[in-house]
């Protein structure tokens, strides 16, 4: 795999994962009531605990996005 292909791969991974992060955040912010009720019933978690779990999920997803997608893309762009 060439350097250009690897850079393109990480670039598209970054775009796709950023879109997923934005959409997930918007859904959780705008649809908090129905989403919380559904997740509470499906997972058996108290609805009062869900905002903390949502925040943990978004924080973990953002961290993994930065470390495994954005950082390698930036590093490849710098060396190319």
Protein backbone atom coordinates (compact mmCIF):
# COMPACT_ATOMS: atom_id res chain seq x y z
CA UNK A 1 0.00 0.00 0.00
CA UNK A 2 1.45 3.33 -1.03
CA UNK A 3 1.72 6.42 1.15
CA UNK A 4 -0.93 8.19 -0.94
CA UNK A 5 -3.39 5.31 -0.52
CA UNK A 6 -2.77 5.17 3.22
CA UNK A 7 -3.30 8.93 3.52
CA UNK A 8 -6.55 8.70 1.55
CA UNK A 9 -7.70 5.78 3.69
CA UNK A 10 -7.15 7.66 6.95
CA UNK A 11 -8.66 10.80 5.45
CA UNK A 12 -11.90 9.00 4.61
CA UNK A 13 -11.90 7.20 7.97
CA UNK A 14 -11.62 10.61 9.63
CA UNK A 15 -14.49 12.06 7.61
CA UNK A 16 -16.79 9.10 8.22
CA UNK A 17 -16.07 8.84 11.93
CA UNK A 18 -16.46 12.60 12.41
CA UNK A 19 -19.86 12.40 10.70
CA UNK A 20 -20.89 9.50 12.96
CA UNK A 21 -19.74 11.45 16.02
CA UNK A 22 -21.72 14.54 14.97
CA UNK A 23 -24.87 12.59 14.11
CA UNK A 24 -24.73 10.62 17.36
CA UNK A 25 -24.24 13.79 19.38
CA UNK A 26 -27.14 15.52 17.64
CA UNK A 27 -29.44 12.55 18.15
CA UNK A 28 -28.58 12.36 21.84
CA UNK A 29 -29.02 16.11 22.35
CA UNK A 30 -32.17 16.63 20.29
CA UNK A 31 -33.91 13.34 21.06
CA UNK A 32 -32.93 12.98 24.69
CA UNK A 33 -36.39 12.06 26.03
CA UNK A 34 -37.41 9.32 23.59
CA UNK A 35 -33.87 7.95 23.28
CA UNK A 36 -33.40 7.81 27.06
CA UNK A 37 -36.74 6.08 27.53
CA UNK A 38 -35.95 3.51 24.84
CA UNK A 39 -32.45 2.79 26.15
CA UNK A 40 -33.73 2.58 29.72
CA UNK A 41 -36.27 -0.06 28.74
CA UNK A 42 -33.92 -2.01 26.46
CA UNK A 43 -30.91 -2.11 28.76
CA UNK A 44 -32.54 -1.99 32.18
CA UNK A 45 -30.58 1.10 33.22
CA UNK A 46 -32.17 3.84 35.30
CA UNK A 47 -33.05 6.86 33.17
CA UNK A 48 -31.24 9.13 35.64
CA UNK A 49 -27.96 7.29 34.95
CA UNK A 50 -28.15 7.53 31.16
CA UNK A 51 -26.83 11.11 30.69
CA UNK A 52 -23.59 10.05 32.43
CA UNK A 53 -23.34 6.95 30.23
CA UNK A 54 -24.02 9.01 27.09
CA UNK A 55 -21.29 11.46 28.06
CA UNK A 56 -18.86 8.59 28.66
CA UNK A 57 -19.72 7.07 25.28
CA UNK A 58 -19.25 10.35 23.39
CA UNK A 59 -15.98 11.08 25.23
CA UNK A 60 -14.58 7.59 24.51
CA UNK A 61 -15.66 7.73 20.86
CA UNK A 62 -14.10 11.18 20.43
CA UNK A 63 -10.85 10.05 22.04
CA UNK A 64 -10.56 6.95 19.86
CA UNK A 65 -11.47 9.02 16.80
CA UNK A 66 -8.67 11.48 17.55
CA UNK A 67 -6.05 8.84 18.36
CA UNK A 68 -6.79 6.26 15.66
CA UNK A 69 -8.08 8.39 12.76
CA UNK A 70 -7.14 12.04 12.96
CA UNK A 71 -3.62 11.74 14.41
CA UNK A 72 -2.42 9.19 11.82
CA UNK A 73 -3.99 11.26 9.02
CA UNK A 74 -2.22 14.42 10.19
CA UNK A 75 1.07 12.54 10.60
CA UNK A 76 0.79 11.13 7.07
CA UNK A 77 -0.02 14.55 5.64
CA UNK A 78 3.03 16.02 7.37
CA UNK A 79 5.47 13.39 6.04
CA UNK A 80 3.99 13.29 2.52
